[in-house]
C-alpha cells in the first residue's frame, strides 16, 4: 500500500511544510481561470505538465503534505484512513485526460514526481514523460540500467535488490548478468539520468508550465516549472494548498485537479477515453500469468533516439550551451524540501552531461546505427508465440547506408528480445560536495 512506500524510506527530518490549509475558488472564478488556461494552451508551442501526489488522491492513494497526508498524519502518530493498494488503484480522470492531451498534441511532455505508476498504466508512452522519483511497477538492472515493467508493485523501495537476474540478452545471446532492483529513490539518491535529462530539456523548451497536485517543495522537480519564465512563457499552478512558487505563477487555480481537467478538456474539445485494462501493461502481464502463459518482458527504458531528438530541438532554440553542466552534475541529489533548501532559484536545477553512441541500442542481431523506436503499443496478444506483430514496429535508421536493408524483427520475435540501452548509473550515496560522474557503456 502507499503508506508502506513512505515507511520504507530512510528517516528524514526535513519533509517540508505539512498540513497547510486548503482553498477553493468560487465557481465563476474557476470558469474564468480555466477559459484563460485553455486559451494559453492553444497559443503555446511547448506545454509541459508537472504532476504530484495530488492527482492520485481520487484513486485512493493519499498524498504526503495535505491535511490528511501521510507525513502530516505521521507527525500526529496517525495513518491515513484511505490507503489503497498500488495494485488495485486505477488511473484517475486526470491521468486519462493528460494521456489524451498528449495524443491530441496540446501537451508535449509530462514530468512526474509520482511513484504510483498510474501515468504508465493510463497508456502514456515512455518518451512522453519523465518519472523523476521512480515507479512502483518497474524493476531496473544494476548493471545495464535497463528498466522492465512488472505485473505487480515491486516489494521493496530505495533501490534494493529483488533477487532477480536481468533478463536482457546481449548480441550473440550473452546474458547481462546484472541484478534487478526497484527504481524508487530514497532521500539522498541521485535522480535517474535519462529522466532528468528529458525533464530538463523539455522544461527548457516550454513556454507554458502547468503544475498539478504538487506543492513544489521537493527540488529539483519543484523548480523545473519556472523554466518557462526564461522563454517569456507562463506558469500555471493547480493545487488546493499554497505552493512554494505561488507568487511567481501567472495563474493559480484552487480546485480539485479532476474537476479542472474535466472542464479544460471540454473547452478544448478533447475526448477522454475511459481507463481499460487493455492499455495497462501491468494488467496485460498479470493476465498472462493468470492464463498460465509465460509473460514476456516489457521494456520501459527511455529510448536514446528520443533524447537525441529533444537535444536537437534545444540546440536549435538556444545553442549548445554546456557551460554550467559541471555545476549541475554536482547537484543531482533527489530531495531538499523547503526547510533544507538553501535556494529556490530555478538556475539550481541540475543538468547532467549526457552523451550517447549510435550503437547504444538494438535487438540481438540488430545492425550498428539502427534502432527500434520504443513505440510498441500495449495491445499485446495473449498468444505469446507472436507477441509483437511485424507491422507494429517502427524502425528508425540513423545510418543512411542501412536504408536499403532495414533490420526488422520477424513475427516470431518476442518482446523479451527488445530492449534499449541506458548508461550505467552514477555512484549513489556520495557526499553532496563530492564529484559525480556519468559512466557510459
Protein backbone atom coordinates (compact mmCIF):
# COMPACT_ATOMS: atom_id res chain seq x y z
CA UNK A 1 0.00 0.00 0.00
CA UNK A 2 1.05 3.61 -0.47
CA UNK A 3 1.79 4.10 3.22
CA UNK A 4 4.22 1.20 3.02
CA UNK A 5 6.18 3.14 0.42
CA UNK A 6 6.62 6.08 2.80
CA UNK A 7 7.54 3.75 5.67
CA UNK A 8 10.17 2.07 3.51
CA UNK A 9 12.16 5.27 3.04
CA UNK A 10 15.09 6.20 5.26
CA UNK A 11 14.37 8.51 8.23
CA UNK A 12 14.50 12.15 7.15
CA UNK A 13 13.78 15.14 9.35
CA UNK A 14 13.03 17.87 6.80
CA UNK A 15 9.95 16.78 4.87
CA UNK A 16 8.72 20.26 4.03
CA UNK A 17 5.71 22.22 5.23
CA UNK A 18 2.93 19.86 6.22
CA UNK A 19 -0.82 20.23 6.62
CA UNK A 20 -1.23 23.66 5.06
CA UNK A 21 -4.88 24.79 4.74
CA UNK A 22 -6.76 24.13 1.51
CA UNK A 23 -8.55 26.80 -0.55
CA UNK A 24 -11.34 26.60 -3.12
CA UNK A 25 -12.10 29.21 -5.78
CA UNK A 26 -15.73 30.12 -6.33
CA UNK A 27 -17.40 28.61 -9.46
CA UNK A 28 -17.39 31.82 -11.51
CA UNK A 29 -13.71 32.43 -10.81
CA UNK A 30 -12.90 28.82 -11.70
CA UNK A 31 -14.67 29.09 -15.06
CA UNK A 32 -12.83 32.30 -15.92
CA UNK A 33 -9.45 30.85 -14.98
CA UNK A 34 -9.94 27.62 -16.92
CA UNK A 35 -11.07 29.56 -20.01
CA UNK A 36 -7.85 31.56 -19.75
CA UNK A 37 -5.81 28.38 -19.30
CA UNK A 38 -7.39 26.83 -22.41
CA UNK A 39 -6.57 29.98 -24.38
CA UNK A 40 -2.94 29.83 -23.24
CA UNK A 41 -2.68 26.15 -24.20
CA UNK A 42 -4.00 26.88 -27.70
CA UNK A 43 -1.49 29.67 -28.21
CA UNK A 44 1.53 27.85 -26.73
CA UNK A 45 4.01 25.80 -28.72
CA UNK A 46 5.50 23.62 -26.00
CA UNK A 47 3.30 22.86 -22.98
CA UNK A 48 4.86 20.81 -20.17
CA UNK A 49 2.81 19.43 -17.27
CA UNK A 50 4.36 18.73 -13.87
CA UNK A 51 2.43 16.32 -11.65
CA UNK A 52 2.50 15.43 -7.97
CA UNK A 53 0.67 13.22 -5.48
CA UNK A 54 -2.47 15.37 -5.62
CA UNK A 55 -3.53 13.89 -8.96
CA UNK A 56 -3.79 10.40 -7.45
CA UNK A 57 -5.82 11.09 -4.31
CA UNK A 58 -9.10 10.37 -6.14
CA UNK A 59 -7.68 6.90 -6.89
CA UNK A 60 -7.48 6.24 -3.15
CA UNK A 61 -3.75 6.93 -2.81
CA UNK A 62 -3.13 9.55 -0.09
CA UNK A 63 -0.82 12.49 -0.70
CA UNK A 64 2.01 13.41 1.65
CA UNK A 65 1.62 17.01 2.82
CA UNK A 66 -2.13 17.60 2.60
CA UNK A 67 -4.32 17.92 5.70
CA UNK A 68 -4.74 14.13 5.63
CA UNK A 69 -1.41 13.36 4.02
CA UNK A 70 0.88 10.51 5.04
CA UNK A 71 3.54 12.73 6.60
CA UNK A 72 1.04 15.22 8.03
CA UNK A 73 -0.66 12.44 9.98
CA UNK A 74 2.65 10.81 10.80
CA UNK A 75 3.52 13.80 12.97
CA UNK A 76 0.35 13.09 14.96
CA UNK A 77 1.10 9.38 15.22
CA UNK A 78 -1.73 8.55 12.83
CA UNK A 79 -2.15 6.93 9.40
CA UNK A 80 -4.50 7.82 6.53
CA UNK A 81 -7.90 6.15 6.67
CA UNK A 82 -7.88 5.73 2.88
CA UNK A 83 -4.88 3.76 1.69
CA UNK A 84 -5.49 1.56 -1.33
CA UNK A 85 -3.01 -0.94 -2.70
CA UNK A 86 -0.99 0.20 -5.71
CA UNK A 87 -2.08 -2.98 -7.50
CA UNK A 88 -5.77 -2.17 -7.06
CA UNK A 89 -5.61 1.57 -7.79
CA UNK A 90 -6.59 2.65 -11.31
CA UNK A 91 -5.71 5.79 -13.28
CA UNK A 92 -7.93 8.78 -12.44
CA UNK A 93 -9.71 11.07 -14.87
CA UNK A 94 -6.70 13.38 -14.67
CA UNK A 95 -4.33 10.60 -15.73
CA UNK A 96 -6.53 9.67 -18.68
CA UNK A 97 -7.06 13.34 -19.63
CA UNK A 98 -3.32 14.03 -19.67
CA UNK A 99 -2.79 11.00 -21.88
CA UNK A 100 -5.48 12.28 -24.25
CA UNK A 101 -3.98 15.79 -24.29
CA UNK A 102 -0.58 14.30 -25.14
CA UNK A 103 -2.13 12.32 -28.01
CA UNK A 104 -4.00 15.39 -29.28
CA UNK A 105 -0.82 17.47 -29.29
CA UNK A 106 -2.00 20.04 -26.74
CA UNK A 107 0.70 18.86 -24.29
CA UNK A 108 4.24 17.96 -25.30
CA UNK A 109 5.59 16.30 -22.16
CA UNK A 110 4.84 15.28 -18.57
CA UNK A 111 7.29 15.48 -15.67
CA UNK A 112 6.08 13.42 -12.73
CA UNK A 113 7.19 13.11 -9.11
CA UNK A 114 4.74 10.24 -8.58
CA UNK A 115 5.86 6.67 -7.95
CA UNK A 116 2.40 5.03 -8.25
CA UNK A 117 2.80 4.06 -11.93
CA UNK A 118 -0.63 5.42 -12.89
CA UNK A 119 0.75 7.55 -15.73
CA UNK A 120 2.24 4.42 -17.31
CA UNK A 121 -0.97 2.49 -16.73
CA UNK A 122 -3.02 5.21 -18.46
CA UNK A 123 -1.33 4.30 -21.74
CA UNK A 124 1.33 7.00 -21.88
CA UNK A 125 4.42 6.13 -23.89
CA UNK A 126 7.82 6.22 -22.22
CA UNK A 127 9.13 9.03 -24.41
CA UNK A 128 6.25 11.26 -23.29
CA UNK A 129 7.19 11.54 -19.63
CA UNK A 130 9.91 11.58 -17.00
CA UNK A 131 9.50 9.74 -13.70
CA UNK A 132 11.95 11.60 -11.51
CA UNK A 133 11.38 9.61 -8.32
CA UNK A 134 10.76 6.14 -9.75
CA UNK A 135 7.86 3.78 -10.46
CA UNK A 136 6.46 1.05 -8.21
CA UNK A 137 5.82 -1.18 -11.24
CA UNK A 138 9.32 -1.01 -12.70
CA UNK A 139 12.45 -3.03 -11.98
CA UNK A 140 15.86 -1.79 -13.06
CA UNK A 141 19.14 -3.56 -13.77
CA UNK A 142 22.07 -2.55 -11.59
CA UNK A 143 24.50 -3.09 -14.47
CA UNK A 144 22.91 -2.11 -17.80
CA UNK A 145 20.35 0.25 -16.21
CA UNK A 146 17.52 -1.00 -18.39
CA UNK A 147 14.03 -0.83 -16.93
CA UNK A 148 11.36 -3.51 -17.15
CA UNK A 149 7.63 -3.33 -16.37
CA UNK A 150 6.35 -5.65 -13.65
CA UNK A 151 2.86 -7.09 -13.35
CA UNK A 152 2.59 -6.11 -9.68
CA UNK A 153 4.07 -3.43 -7.45
CA UNK A 154 7.66 -4.22 -6.52
CA UNK A 155 8.15 -5.50 -2.94
CA UNK A 156 10.91 -3.04 -1.98
CA UNK A 157 11.73 0.67 -2.13
CA UNK A 158 15.03 2.53 -2.01
CA UNK A 159 16.74 0.73 -4.93
CA UNK A 160 17.08 -2.59 -3.11
CA UNK A 161 17.82 -5.85 -4.91
CA UNK A 162 14.79 -8.01 -5.70
CA UNK A 163 16.63 -11.33 -6.07
CA UNK A 164 16.04 -11.46 -9.84
CA UNK A 165 18.52 -11.59 -12.70
CA UNK A 166 18.38 -9.06 -15.52
CA UNK A 167 16.62 -10.72 -18.48
CA UNK A 168 18.40 -8.72 -21.16
CA UNK A 169 20.41 -10.68 -23.69
CA UNK A 170 23.40 -9.05 -25.36
CA UNK A 171 24.31 -9.50 -29.01
CA UNK A 172 25.15 -13.13 -29.58
CA UNK A 173 22.80 -14.30 -26.84
CA UNK A 174 25.06 -13.45 -23.90
CA UNK A 175 23.17 -12.63 -20.66
CA UNK A 176 23.59 -9.24 -18.98
CA UNK A 177 24.41 -10.83 -15.58
CA UNK A 178 23.11 -7.77 -13.75
CA UNK A 179 20.66 -7.91 -10.85
CA UNK A 180 17.23 -6.26 -10.77
CA UNK A 181 16.30 -3.75 -8.08
CA UNK A 182 13.37 -1.41 -7.55
CA UNK A 183 13.91 2.06 -9.01
CA UNK A 184 12.25 4.02 -6.19
CA UNK A 185 14.53 6.78 -4.94
CA UNK A 186 15.35 7.23 -1.29
CA UNK A 187 16.03 10.70 0.11
CA UNK A 188 19.68 11.01 -0.91
CA UNK A 189 19.68 9.03 -4.15
CA UNK A 190 20.66 10.67 -7.43
CA UNK A 191 17.89 11.34 -9.91
CA UNK A 192 17.80 8.98 -12.92
CA UNK A 193 19.97 10.39 -15.69
CA UNK A 194 17.68 9.96 -18.67
CA UNK A 195 14.51 11.05 -16.90
CA UNK A 196 16.24 14.13 -15.54
CA UNK A 197 17.81 14.91 -18.91
CA UNK A 198 14.45 14.75 -20.70
CA UNK A 199 12.67 16.72 -17.96
CA UNK A 200 15.34 19.41 -18.04
CA UNK A 201 15.31 19.76 -21.83
CA UNK A 202 11.53 19.83 -22.20
CA UNK A 203 11.28 22.37 -19.36
CA UNK A 204 13.89 24.47 -21.16
CA UNK A 205 11.75 24.37 -24.32
CA UNK A 206 8.48 25.08 -22.53
CA UNK A 207 6.54 28.29 -22.99
CA UNK A 208 3.75 27.14 -20.66
CA UNK A 209 4.28 25.07 -17.49
CA UNK A 210 1.27 23.60 -15.70
CA UNK A 211 1.74 22.14 -12.20
CA UNK A 212 -0.97 19.77 -11.00
CA UNK A 213 -1.35 18.48 -7.44
CA UNK A 214 2.09 19.38 -6.08
CA UNK A 215 3.29 21.93 -3.53
CA UNK A 216 6.60 22.11 -5.44
CA UNK A 217 8.63 21.75 -2.23
CA UNK A 218 10.94 18.99 -3.47
CA UNK A 219 13.83 20.11 -5.64
CA UNK A 220 14.92 19.83 -8.36
CA UNK A 221 11.44 18.79 -9.55
CA UNK A 222 9.75 21.74 -7.82
CA UNK A 223 11.88 24.31 -9.66
CA UNK A 224 11.55 22.90 -13.17
CA UNK A 225 8.22 24.66 -13.95
CA UNK A 226 9.93 28.04 -13.60
CA UNK A 227 11.97 27.34 -16.72
CA UNK A 228 9.07 28.62 -18.82
CA UNK A 229 9.70 32.10 -17.44
CA UNK A 230 13.06 32.18 -19.22
CA UNK A 231 11.25 31.84 -22.55
CA UNK A 232 8.81 34.63 -21.75
CA UNK A 233 6.26 31.91 -21.02
CA UNK A 234 3.74 31.40 -18.25
CA UNK A 235 3.47 29.25 -15.13
CA UNK A 236 0.12 27.83 -14.01
CA UNK A 237 -0.46 26.09 -10.68
CA UNK A 238 -3.48 23.91 -9.89
CA UNK A 239 -3.45 22.93 -6.23
CA UNK A 240 -5.65 23.23 -3.15
CA UNK A 241 -2.77 24.26 -0.90
CA UNK A 242 -0.41 27.19 -1.30
CA UNK A 243 2.74 26.15 -3.10
CA UNK A 244 6.35 27.22 -2.91
CA UNK A 245 6.05 29.24 -6.15
CA UNK A 246 2.58 30.76 -5.80
CA UNK A 247 3.96 34.30 -6.05
CA UNK A 248 5.79 33.51 -9.29
CA UNK A 249 2.79 31.91 -11.00
CA UNK A 250 0.81 33.71 -13.70
CA UNK A 251 -2.34 31.79 -12.83
CA UNK A 252 -3.35 29.80 -9.74
CA UNK A 253 -6.45 27.61 -9.65
CA UNK A 254 -7.68 26.29 -6.30
CA UNK A 255 -9.81 23.28 -7.26
CA UNK A 256 -9.50 19.51 -7.44
CA UNK A 257 -7.44 18.54 -10.48
CA UNK A 258 -10.07 16.11 -11.81
CA UNK A 259 -12.65 18.91 -11.99
CA UNK A 260 -10.18 21.26 -13.66
CA UNK A 261 -9.27 18.67 -16.30
CA UNK A 262 -12.94 17.85 -16.94
CA UNK A 263 -13.70 21.49 -17.72
CA UNK A 264 -10.45 22.02 -19.62
CA UNK A 265 -10.81 19.02 -21.95
CA UNK A 266 -14.40 20.02 -22.63
CA UNK A 267 -13.33 23.53 -23.68
CA UNK A 268 -10.51 22.14 -25.82
CA UNK A 269 -12.90 19.58 -27.33
CA UNK A 270 -10.62 16.67 -26.41
CA UNK A 271 -12.30 13.32 -25.85
CA UNK A 272 -11.02 11.49 -22.78
CA UNK A 273 -11.33 7.70 -23.14
CA UNK A 274 -12.09 5.65 -20.04
CA UNK A 275 -9.42 3.51 -18.45
CA UNK A 276 -9.41 -0.10 -19.66
CA UNK A 277 -7.02 -2.94 -18.70
CA UNK A 278 -6.11 -3.38 -22.39
CA UNK A 279 -3.97 -0.22 -22.32
CA UNK A 280 -2.38 -1.12 -18.98
CA UNK A 281 0.86 -3.11 -19.41
CA UNK A 282 0.75 -4.30 -15.79
CA UNK A 283 -2.70 -5.84 -16.32
CA UNK A 284 -1.58 -7.46 -19.59
CA UNK A 285 1.29 -9.15 -17.77
CA UNK A 286 -0.94 -10.27 -14.89
CA UNK A 287 -3.48 -11.70 -17.33
CA UNK A 288 -0.75 -13.75 -18.98
CA UNK A 289 0.22 -15.22 -15.60
CA UNK A 290 -3.40 -16.00 -14.74
CA UNK A 291 -3.79 -17.88 -18.04
CA UNK A 292 -0.68 -19.92 -17.36
CA UNK A 293 1.27 -18.28 -20.17
CA UNK A 294 4.89 -17.24 -19.96
CA UNK A 295 4.79 -13.44 -19.70
CA UNK A 296 7.33 -11.58 -21.79
CA UNK A 297 9.37 -8.67 -20.52
CA UNK A 298 8.08 -5.22 -21.48
CA UNK A 299 10.79 -2.60 -21.76
CA UNK A 300 10.36 0.77 -20.01
CA UNK A 301 13.68 2.41 -20.83
CA UNK A 302 13.69 5.89 -22.37
CA UNK A 303 14.88 5.47 -25.98
CA UNK A 304 18.20 7.07 -26.84
CA UNK A 305 16.64 8.33 -30.08
CA UNK A 306 14.09 10.36 -28.09
CA UNK A 307 16.85 12.08 -26.11
CA UNK A 308 18.76 12.95 -29.28
CA UNK A 309 15.67 14.42 -30.94
CA UNK A 310 14.91 16.69 -28.00
CA UNK A 311 18.58 17.66 -27.74
CA UNK A 312 18.44 18.79 -31.36
CA UNK A 313 15.42 20.98 -30.56
CA UNK A 314 17.20 22.54 -27.58
CA UNK A 315 20.33 23.17 -29.65
CA UNK A 316 18.29 24.78 -32.41
CA UNK A 317 16.48 27.01 -29.93
CA UNK A 318 19.30 28.20 -27.71
CA UNK A 319 22.54 26.76 -28.98
CA UNK A 320 24.52 24.07 -27.18
CA UNK A 321 25.49 25.94 -24.03
CA UNK A 322 27.02 23.48 -21.59
CA UNK A 323 28.96 26.00 -19.51
CA UNK A 324 27.13 25.16 -16.31
CA UNK A 325 26.87 21.40 -16.92
CA UNK A 326 29.64 20.59 -14.44
CA UNK A 327 27.98 22.64 -11.72
CA UNK A 328 24.64 20.95 -12.28
CA UNK A 329 26.08 17.45 -12.34
CA UNK A 330 27.18 18.00 -8.76
CA UNK A 331 23.61 18.91 -7.71
CA UNK A 332 21.72 15.80 -8.74
CA UNK A 333 20.58 14.75 -5.28
CA UNK A 334 16.91 13.99 -5.22
CA UNK A 335 15.29 15.79 -2.32
CA UNK A 336 15.84 19.01 -0.46
CA UNK A 337 12.48 20.09 0.96
CA UNK A 338 11.86 23.70 1.86
CA UNK A 339 13.43 23.65 5.35
CA UNK A 340 16.62 22.21 3.89
CA UNK A 341 16.65 24.25 0.69
CA UNK A 342 19.24 26.99 0.51
CA UNK A 343 17.96 28.33 -2.79
CA UNK A 344 14.74 28.27 -4.76
CA UNK A 345 16.28 29.73 -7.89
CA UNK A 346 15.46 27.68 -10.99
CA UNK A 347 19.08 28.06 -12.09
CA UNK A 348 19.99 25.45 -9.47
CA UNK A 349 18.20 22.70 -11.40
CA UNK A 350 20.77 20.02 -12.26
CA UNK A 351 21.50 19.26 -15.89
CA UNK A 352 23.80 16.24 -16.16
CA UNK A 353 26.12 15.94 -19.11
CA UNK A 354 24.85 13.08 -21.22
CA UNK A 355 26.22 11.62 -24.43
CA UNK A 356 25.14 8.62 -26.47
CA UNK A 357 26.60 6.35 -29.10
CA UNK A 358 24.95 5.30 -32.34
CA UNK A 359 25.24 1.63 -31.40
CA UNK A 360 23.79 2.03 -27.93
CA UNK A 361 20.57 0.18 -28.67
CA UNK A 362 19.30 -2.75 -30.63
CA UNK A 363 17.89 -6.26 -30.64
CA UNK A 364 20.16 -9.27 -30.51
CA UNK A 365 21.31 -9.15 -34.18
CA UNK A 366 20.43 -5.56 -34.95
CA UNK A 367 22.98 -3.75 -37.10
CA UNK A 368 25.06 -0.81 -35.95
CA UNK A 369 23.36 2.53 -36.46
CA UNK A 370 19.82 1.17 -36.44
CA UNK A 371 17.42 1.07 -33.52
CA UNK A 372 13.81 0.33 -32.77
CA UNK A 373 11.77 3.30 -31.69
CA UNK A 374 10.24 2.39 -28.35
CA UNK A 375 6.77 2.83 -29.78
CA UNK A 376 5.16 -0.56 -29.34
CA UNK A 377 1.54 -0.37 -28.24
CA UNK A 378 0.28 -2.20 -25.21
CA UNK A 379 -2.32 -4.25 -27.03
CA UNK A 380 -0.16 -7.36 -26.57
CA UNK A 381 -1.82 -10.52 -27.95
CA UNK A 382 -2.26 -13.28 -25.43
CA UNK A 383 -0.78 -15.79 -27.90
CA UNK A 384 2.79 -15.04 -26.88
CA UNK A 385 4.31 -17.03 -29.75
CA UNK A 386 3.52 -13.95 -31.85
CA UNK A 387 3.62 -11.31 -29.15
CA UNK A 388 4.53 -8.38 -31.37
CA UNK A 389 3.30 -8.41 -35.00
CA UNK A 390 5.83 -7.20 -37.52
CA UNK A 391 3.67 -4.32 -38.75
CA UNK A 392 3.52 -2.81 -35.23
CA UNK A 393 7.21 -1.97 -35.25
CA UNK A 394 8.69 1.28 -36.43
CA UNK A 395 12.34 1.29 -37.36
CA UNK A 396 14.45 4.42 -37.21
CA UNK A 397 17.51 4.30 -39.44
CA UNK A 398 20.29 6.60 -38.28
CA UNK A 399 22.88 5.36 -40.79
CA UNK A 400 21.99 6.15 -44.41
CA UNK A 401 23.89 3.10 -45.63
CA UNK A 402 21.38 0.85 -43.88
CA UNK A 403 18.28 2.29 -45.54
CA UNK A 404 18.39 -0.34 -48.29
CA UNK A 405 18.42 -3.23 -45.80
CA UNK A 406 16.28 -2.32 -42.78
CA UNK A 407 16.54 -4.77 -39.90
CA UNK A 408 13.06 -5.67 -38.69
CA UNK A 409 12.06 -8.38 -36.24
CA UNK A 410 10.09 -11.31 -37.57
CA UNK A 411 6.66 -12.27 -36.25
CA UNK A 412 8.37 -14.87 -34.07
CA UNK A 413 10.44 -12.22 -32.32
CA UNK A 414 9.27 -12.00 -28.71
CA UNK A 415 9.05 -8.83 -26.66
CA UNK A 416 11.70 -10.31 -24.39
CA UNK A 417 14.27 -9.68 -27.15
CA UNK A 418 13.60 -5.95 -27.43
CA UNK A 419 15.47 -3.52 -25.24
CA UNK A 420 17.16 -0.16 -25.29
CA UNK A 421 20.46 0.51 -23.60
CA UNK A 422 20.90 3.06 -20.85
CA UNK A 423 24.13 4.45 -19.47
CA UNK A 424 25.29 2.97 -16.18
CA UNK A 425 24.08 4.74 -13.10
CA UNK A 426 26.30 7.19 -11.37
CA UNK A 427 27.56 6.15 -7.96
CA UNK A 428 25.00 6.87 -5.26
CA UNK A 429 25.28 7.67 -1.62
CA UNK A 430 28.21 10.05 -2.17
CA UNK A 431 28.72 13.23 -0.20
CA UNK A 432 26.93 16.29 -1.58
CA UNK A 433 30.23 18.08 -2.13
CA UNK A 434 31.90 15.17 -3.91
CA UNK A 435 32.11 14.97 -7.68
CA UNK A 436 29.59 12.88 -9.59
CA UNK A 437 30.49 11.11 -12.80
CA UNK A 438 28.27 9.67 -15.51
CA UNK A 439 29.73 6.37 -16.61
CA UNK A 440 28.87 5.30 -20.15
CA UNK A 441 28.79 1.82 -21.60
